Amino acid sequence: MALTLCVSACSDLGADLRRRDDRAAHRTVNAVLMQRLTDLSRLARDDADDRAALLAERRALFHGAPSPATALDYAMVLGRPGHAGQDSTEARALLQLALSAPGGLDPLERALAEAASAEIELRLKLEQDNRRLADEVRALRDATASSRASANRRLQAELEETVRLRKALAEAQAKLRAVAALEKAAALGRSNPENRRP
């Protein structure tokens, strides 16, 4: 009976210790998650100095004690848009480093890193698409300007040709009027008997 009580007490003590360990681990996970959410909240505020300070803190922690967890923290701050130190390419590299480290991240951190990585990949793709579209718009604008300049040159040449043709037409009409006047004068001279010689 004493042995049974001892085994039971040891079993209860072991279960109690496991529950305490689980609660401590749960508190640790919650604290880490709260710290990361606080970081994101600080980045969302309109305080450039605070964002720069946070980025410097996470950079110092990563460079001081490189680990998958500090790489994740630094990448999450570095990859967040809206601050001067934002660098999606470096954030992507840090997240790949954190995700590739064997046993480096717990499941919650891994899920967070995968979500952040997917978001950064999408942002980088959108940035690439924006650059491509801007290049296309610039090329179209240049082609339109070149086409417009060419059309303006053709129009100018046509206007100059029109002026030249009108001038030539006016000269030809003046000559025709002069010829007609001469012919009329000659015809009047033939029909007028006083102007005839005997």
C-alpha atoms as a PDB file:
ATOM      1  CA  MET A   1       0.000   0.000   0.000  1.00  0.00           C
ATOM      2  CA  ALA A   2       2.817   2.405   0.845  1.00  0.00           C
ATOM      3  CA  LEU A   3       4.446   1.506  -2.425  1.00  0.00           C
ATOM      4  CA  THR A   4       1.219   2.258  -4.275  1.00  0.00           C
ATOM      5  CA  LEU A   5       0.892   5.593  -2.498  1.00  0.00           C
ATOM      6  CA  CYS A   6       4.504   6.420  -3.309  1.00  0.00           C
ATOM      7  CA  VAL A   7       4.056   5.503  -6.987  1.00  0.00           C
ATOM      8  CA  SER A   8       0.828   7.476  -7.093  1.00  0.00           C
ATOM      9  CA  ALA A   9       2.483  10.488  -5.447  1.00  0.00           C
ATOM     10  CA  CYS A  10       5.425  10.289  -7.823  1.00  0.00           C
ATOM     11  CA  SER A  11       3.039   9.996 -10.744  1.00  0.00           C
ATOM     12  CA  ASP A  12       1.061  13.008  -9.527  1.00  0.00           C
ATOM     13  CA  LEU A  13       4.285  14.931  -8.970  1.00  0.00           C
ATOM     14  CA  GLY A  14       5.505  14.047 -12.482  1.00  0.00           C
ATOM     15  CA  ALA A  15       2.185  15.114 -14.005  1.00  0.00           C
ATOM     16  CA  ASP A  16       2.270  18.321 -11.980  1.00  0.00           C
ATOM     17  CA  LEU A  17       5.831  19.056 -13.166  1.00  0.00           C
ATOM     18  CA  ARG A  18       4.820  18.351 -16.779  1.00  0.00           C
ATOM     19  CA  ARG A  19       1.854  20.718 -16.431  1.00  0.00           C
ATOM     20  CA  ARG A  20       4.152  23.392 -14.984  1.00  0.00           C
ATOM     21  CA  ASP A  21       6.621  22.867 -17.849  1.00  0.00           C
ATOM     22  CA  ASP A  22       3.765  23.086 -20.355  1.00  0.00           C
ATOM     23  CA  ARG A  23       2.484  26.289 -18.730  1.00  0.00           C
ATOM     24  CA  ALA A  24       6.003  27.776 -18.671  1.00  0.00           C
ATOM     25  CA  ALA A  25       6.538  26.848 -22.323  1.00  0.00           C
ATOM     26  CA  HIS A  26       3.103  28.270 -23.164  1.00  0.00           C
ATOM     27  CA  ARG A  27       3.981  31.517 -21.334  1.00  0.00           C
ATOM     28  CA  THR A  28       7.293  31.677 -23.224  1.00  0.00           C
ATOM     29  CA  VAL A  29       5.578  31.146 -26.593  1.00  0.00           C
ATOM     30  CA  ASN A  30       2.978  33.775 -25.687  1.00  0.00           C
ATOM     31  CA  ALA A  31       5.695  36.242 -24.639  1.00  0.00           C
ATOM     32  CA  VAL A  32       7.593  35.736 -27.901  1.00  0.00           C
ATOM     33  CA  LEU A  33       4.390  36.069 -29.911  1.00  0.00           C
ATOM     34  CA  MET A  34       3.433  39.225 -27.999  1.00  0.00           C
ATOM     35  CA  GLN A  35       6.901  40.693 -28.616  1.00  0.00           C
ATOM     36  CA  ARG A  36       6.546  40.091 -32.372  1.00  0.00           C
ATOM     37  CA  LEU A  37       3.041  41.557 -32.440  1.00  0.00           C
ATOM     38  CA  THR A  38       4.331  44.565 -30.500  1.00  0.00           C
ATOM     39  CA  ASP A  39       7.089  44.963 -33.099  1.00  0.00           C
ATOM     40  CA  LEU A  40       4.499  44.964 -35.899  1.00  0.00           C
ATOM     41  CA  SER A  41       2.386  47.457 -33.963  1.00  0.00           C
ATOM     42  CA  ARG A  42       5.402  49.757 -33.541  1.00  0.00           C
ATOM     43  CA  LEU A  43       6.031  49.555 -37.286  1.00  0.00           C
ATOM     44  CA  ALA A  44       2.418  50.507 -38.006  1.00  0.00           C
ATOM     45  CA  ARG A  45       2.641  53.727 -35.986  1.00  0.00           C
ATOM     46  CA  ASP A  46       3.520  56.981 -37.687  1.00  0.00           C
ATOM     47  CA  ASP A  47       6.763  57.424 -35.745  1.00  0.00           C
ATOM     48  CA  ALA A  48       9.817  57.221 -37.998  1.00  0.00           C
ATOM     49  CA  ASP A  49      12.239  57.457 -35.061  1.00  0.00           C
ATOM     50  CA  ASP A  50      10.591  54.513 -33.275  1.00  0.00           C
ATOM     51  CA  ARG A  51      10.630  52.418 -36.473  1.00  0.00           C
ATOM     52  CA  ALA A  52      14.327  53.210 -36.989  1.00  0.00           C
ATOM     53  CA  ALA A  53      15.070  52.333 -33.349  1.00  0.00           C
ATOM     54  CA  LEU A  54      13.192  49.029 -33.647  1.00  0.00           C
ATOM     55  CA  LEU A  55      15.068  48.133 -36.813  1.00  0.00           C
ATOM     56  CA  ALA A  56      18.389  48.950 -35.108  1.00  0.00           C
ATOM     57  CA  GLU A  57      17.405  46.811 -32.065  1.00  0.00           C
ATOM     58  CA  ARG A  58      16.483  43.779 -34.187  1.00  0.00           C
ATOM     59  CA  ARG A  59      19.621  44.183 -36.342  1.00  0.00           C
ATOM     60  CA  ALA A  60      21.826  44.348 -33.224  1.00  0.00           C
ATOM     61  CA  LEU A  61      20.131  41.282 -31.708  1.00  0.00           C
ATOM     62  CA  PHE A  62      20.592  39.295 -34.923  1.00  0.00           C
ATOM     63  CA  HIS A  63      24.230  40.293 -35.415  1.00  0.00           C
ATOM     64  CA  GLY A  64      24.977  39.874 -31.689  1.00  0.00           C
ATOM     65  CA  ALA A  65      23.417  36.434 -31.366  1.00  0.00           C
ATOM     66  CA  PRO A  66      22.557  35.011 -34.795  1.00  0.00           C
ATOM     67  CA  SER A  67      19.890  32.330 -34.590  1.00  0.00           C
ATOM     68  CA  PRO A  68      16.822  31.351 -36.583  1.00  0.00           C
ATOM     69  CA  ALA A  69      14.623  33.199 -34.057  1.00  0.00           C
ATOM     70  CA  THR A  70      16.631  36.463 -34.201  1.00  0.00           C
ATOM     71  CA  ALA A  71      16.801  36.146 -38.009  1.00  0.00           C
ATOM     72  CA  LEU A  72      12.997  35.823 -38.057  1.00  0.00           C
ATOM     73  CA  ASP A  73      12.564  38.869 -35.793  1.00  0.00           C
ATOM     74  CA  TYR A  74      14.974  40.966 -37.866  1.00  0.00           C
ATOM     75  CA  ALA A  75      13.409  39.801 -41.153  1.00  0.00           C
ATOM     76  CA  MET A  76       9.890  40.639 -39.988  1.00  0.00           C
ATOM     77  CA  VAL A  77      10.931  44.218 -39.171  1.00  0.00           C
ATOM     78  CA  LEU A  78      13.209  44.580 -42.196  1.00  0.00           C
ATOM     79  CA  GLY A  79      10.584  43.267 -44.621  1.00  0.00           C
ATOM     80  CA  ARG A  80       7.722  45.399 -43.375  1.00  0.00           C
ATOM     81  CA  PRO A  81       6.965  48.254 -45.811  1.00  0.00           C
ATOM     82  CA  GLY A  82       6.537  51.847 -44.757  1.00  0.00           C
ATOM     83  CA  HIS A  83       9.871  52.683 -43.152  1.00  0.00           C
ATOM     84  CA  ALA A  84      13.176  53.959 -44.468  1.00  0.00           C
ATOM     85  CA  GLY A  85      15.148  50.784 -43.665  1.00  0.00           C
ATOM     86  CA  GLN A  86      12.753  48.415 -45.431  1.00  0.00           C
ATOM     87  CA  ASP A  87      14.587  45.840 -47.585  1.00  0.00           C
ATOM     88  CA  SER A  88      12.429  43.009 -48.905  1.00  0.00           C
ATOM     89  CA  THR A  89      15.322  41.240 -50.621  1.00  0.00           C
ATOM     90  CA  GLU A  90      17.410  40.986 -47.451  1.00  0.00           C
ATOM     91  CA  ALA A  91      14.316  40.035 -45.435  1.00  0.00           C
ATOM     92  CA  ARG A  92      13.631  37.192 -47.873  1.00  0.00           C
ATOM     93  CA  ALA A  93      17.210  35.931 -47.485  1.00  0.00           C
ATOM     94  CA  LEU A  94      16.937  36.057 -43.669  1.00  0.00           C
ATOM     95  CA  LEU A  95      13.635  34.175 -43.718  1.00  0.00           C
ATOM     96  CA  GLN A  96      15.105  31.500 -45.987  1.00  0.00           C
ATOM     97  CA  LEU A  97      18.016  31.208 -43.558  1.00  0.00           C
ATOM     98  CA  ALA A  98      15.667  30.860 -40.585  1.00  0.00           C
ATOM     99  CA  LEU A  99      13.438  28.320 -42.370  1.00  0.00           C
ATOM    100  CA  SER A 100      16.350  26.231 -43.607  1.00  0.00           C
ATOM    101  CA  ALA A 101      17.993  25.854 -40.175  1.00  0.00           C
ATOM    102  CA  PRO A 102      17.211  22.310 -38.981  1.00  0.00           C
ATOM    103  CA  GLY A 103      15.171  22.420 -35.790  1.00  0.00           C
ATOM    104  CA  GLY A 104      15.741  26.136 -35.509  1.00  0.00           C
ATOM    105  CA  LEU A 105      12.150  27.332 -35.287  1.00  0.00           C
ATOM    106  CA  ASP A 106       9.257  25.967 -33.275  1.00  0.00           C
ATOM    107  CA  PRO A 107       6.035  25.266 -35.221  1.00  0.00           C
ATOM    108  CA  LEU A 108       4.489  28.658 -34.436  1.00  0.00           C
ATOM    109  CA  GLU A 109       7.643  30.495 -35.487  1.00  0.00           C
ATOM    110  CA  ARG A 110       7.892  28.374 -38.642  1.00  0.00           C
ATOM    111  CA  ALA A 111       4.282  29.220 -39.564  1.00  0.00           C
ATOM    112  CA  LEU A 112       4.994  32.905 -38.928  1.00  0.00           C
ATOM    113  CA  ALA A 113       8.184  32.747 -41.032  1.00  0.00           C
ATOM    114  CA  GLU A 114       6.365  30.983 -43.876  1.00  0.00           C
ATOM    115  CA  ALA A 115       3.558  33.573 -43.837  1.00  0.00           C
ATOM    116  CA  ALA A 116       6.069  36.446 -43.787  1.00  0.00           C
ATOM    117  CA  SER A 117       8.062  34.799 -46.577  1.00  0.00           C
ATOM    118  CA  ALA A 118       4.951  34.390 -48.741  1.00  0.00           C
ATOM    119  CA  GLU A 119       4.009  38.035 -48.139  1.00  0.00           C
ATOM    120  CA  ILE A 120       7.510  39.241 -49.061  1.00  0.00           C
ATOM    121  CA  GLU A 121       7.605  37.064 -52.189  1.00  0.00           C
ATOM    122  CA  LEU A 122       4.275  38.547 -53.264  1.00  0.00           C
ATOM    123  CA  ARG A 123       5.519  42.089 -52.552  1.00  0.00           C
ATOM    124  CA  LEU A 124       8.730  41.478 -54.521  1.00  0.00           C
ATOM    125  CA  LYS A 125       6.702  40.116 -57.433  1.00  0.00           C
ATOM    126  CA  LEU A 126       4.400  43.157 -57.318  1.00  0.00           C
ATOM    127  CA  GLU A 127       7.423  45.481 -57.216  1.00  0.00           C
ATOM    128  CA  GLN A 128       8.883  43.656 -60.224  1.00  0.00           C
ATOM    129  CA  ASP A 129       5.543  43.919 -62.067  1.00  0.00           C
ATOM    130  CA  ASN A 130       5.351  47.638 -61.208  1.00  0.00           C
ATOM    131  CA  ARG A 131       8.859  48.221 -62.567  1.00  0.00           C
ATOM    132  CA  ARG A 132       7.987  46.303 -65.746  1.00  0.00           C
ATOM    133  CA  LEU A 133       4.760  48.277 -66.203  1.00  0.00           C
ATOM    134  CA  ALA A 134       6.579  51.570 -65.541  1.00  0.00           C
ATOM    135  CA  ASP A 135       9.159  50.591 -68.179  1.00  0.00           C
ATOM    136  CA  GLU A 136       6.373  49.748 -70.634  1.00  0.00           C
ATOM    137  CA  VAL A 137       4.610  53.063 -69.936  1.00  0.00           C
ATOM    138  CA  ARG A 138       7.887  54.936 -70.366  1.00  0.00           C
ATOM    139  CA  ALA A 139       8.590  53.099 -73.659  1.00  0.00           C
ATOM    140  CA  LEU A 140       5.036  53.799 -74.853  1.00  0.00           C
ATOM    141  CA  ARG A 141       5.375  57.461 -73.849  1.00  0.00           C
ATOM    142  CA  ASP A 142       8.702  57.667 -75.710  1.00  0.00           C
ATOM    143  CA  ALA A 143       7.212  55.961 -78.768  1.00  0.00           C
ATOM    144  CA  THR A 144       4.202  58.288 -78.647  1.00  0.00           C
ATOM    145  CA  ALA A 145       6.460  61.337 -78.323  1.00  0.00           C
ATOM    146  CA  SER A 146       8.601  60.097 -81.218  1.00  0.00           C
ATOM    147  CA  SER A 147       5.488  59.397 -83.300  1.00  0.00           C
ATOM    148  CA  ARG A 148       4.067  62.803 -82.408  1.00  0.00           C
ATOM    149  CA  ALA A 149       7.341  64.514 -83.346  1.00  0.00           C
ATOM    150  CA  SER A 150       7.395  62.613 -86.641  1.00  0.00           C
ATOM    151  CA  ALA A 151       3.778  63.554 -87.330  1.00  0.00           C
ATOM    152  CA  ASN A 152       4.567  67.187 -86.476  1.00  0.00           C
ATOM    153  CA  ARG A 153       7.512  67.140 -88.898  1.00  0.00           C
ATOM    154  CA  ARG A 154       5.301  65.660 -91.634  1.00  0.00           C
ATOM    155  CA  LEU A 155       2.587  68.241 -90.918  1.00  0.00           C
ATOM    156  CA  GLN A 156       5.150  71.047 -91.023  1.00  0.00           C
ATOM    157  CA  ALA A 157       6.504  69.740 -94.331  1.00  0.00           C
ATOM    158  CA  GLU A 158       2.948  69.509 -95.718  1.00  0.00           C
ATOM    159  CA  LEU A 159       2.192  73.055 -94.560  1.00  0.00           C
ATOM    160  CA  GLU A 160       5.372  74.325 -96.203  1.00  0.00           C
ATOM    161  CA  GLU A 161       4.456  72.403 -99.384  1.00  0.00           C
ATOM    162  CA  THR A 162       0.953  73.894 -99.277  1.00  0.00           C
ATOM    163  CA  VAL A 163       2.408  77.412 -98.949  1.00  0.00           C
ATOM    164  CA  ARG A 164       4.792  76.716-101.848  1.00  0.00           C
ATOM    165  CA  LEU A 165       1.978  75.318-104.000  1.00  0.00           C
ATOM    166  CA  ARG A 166      -0.310  78.280-103.210  1.00  0.00           C
ATOM    167  CA  LYS A 167       2.469  80.665-104.154  1.00  0.00           C
ATOM    168  CA  ALA A 168       3.084  78.739-107.394  1.00  0.00           C
ATOM    169  CA  LEU A 169      -0.658  78.729-108.049  1.00  0.00           C
ATOM    170  CA  ALA A 170      -0.875  82.488-107.441  1.00  0.00           C
ATOM    171  CA  GLU A 171       2.065  83.037-109.820  1.00  0.00           C
ATOM    172  CA  ALA A 172       0.462  80.787-112.451  1.00  0.00           C
ATOM    173  CA  GLN A 173      -2.874  82.574-112.067  1.00  0.00           C
ATOM    174  CA  ALA A 174      -1.111  85.941-112.414  1.00  0.00           C
ATOM    175  CA  LYS A 175       0.586  84.719-115.605  1.00  0.00           C
ATOM    176  CA  LEU A 176      -2.737  83.390-116.920  1.00  0.00           C
ATOM    177  CA  ARG A 177      -4.381  86.734-116.214  1.00  0.00           C
ATOM    178  CA  ALA A 178      -1.513  88.519-117.966  1.00  0.00           C
ATOM    179  CA  VAL A 179      -1.791  86.170-120.976  1.00  0.00           C
ATOM    180  CA  ALA A 180      -5.568  86.603-120.983  1.00  0.00           C
ATOM    181  CA  ALA A 181      -5.148  90.364-120.818  1.00  0.00           C
ATOM    182  CA  LEU A 182      -2.678  90.258-123.720  1.00  0.00           C
ATOM    183  CA  GLU A 183      -4.979  88.058-125.725  1.00  0.00           C
ATOM    184  CA  LYS A 184      -7.880  90.340-124.977  1.00  0.00           C
ATOM    185  CA  ALA A 185      -5.849  93.379-125.975  1.00  0.00           C
ATOM    186  CA  ALA A 186      -4.743  91.650-129.154  1.00  0.00           C
ATOM    187  CA  ALA A 187      -8.271  90.631-129.945  1.00  0.00           C
ATOM    188  CA  LEU A 188      -9.515  94.177-129.357  1.00  0.00           C
ATOM    189  CA  GLY A 189      -6.769  95.518-131.581  1.00  0.00           C
ATOM    190  CA  ARG A 190      -7.845  93.257-134.451  1.00  0.00           C
ATOM    191  CA  SER A 191     -11.461  94.117-134.115  1.00  0.00           C
ATOM    192  CA  ASN A 192     -10.971  97.887-133.869  1.00  0.00           C
ATOM    193  CA  PRO A 193     -10.687  99.367-137.465  1.00  0.00           C
ATOM    194  CA  GLU A 194      -8.978 102.532-136.294  1.00  0.00           C
ATOM    195  CA  ASN A 195      -6.017 100.586-135.123  1.00  0.00           C
ATOM    196  CA  ARG A 196      -5.612  98.875-138.510  1.00  0.00           C
ATOM    197  CA  ARG A 197      -3.029 100.180-141.019  1.00  0.00           C
ATOM    198  CA  PRO A 198      -4.071 100.779-144.604  1.00  0.00           C
END
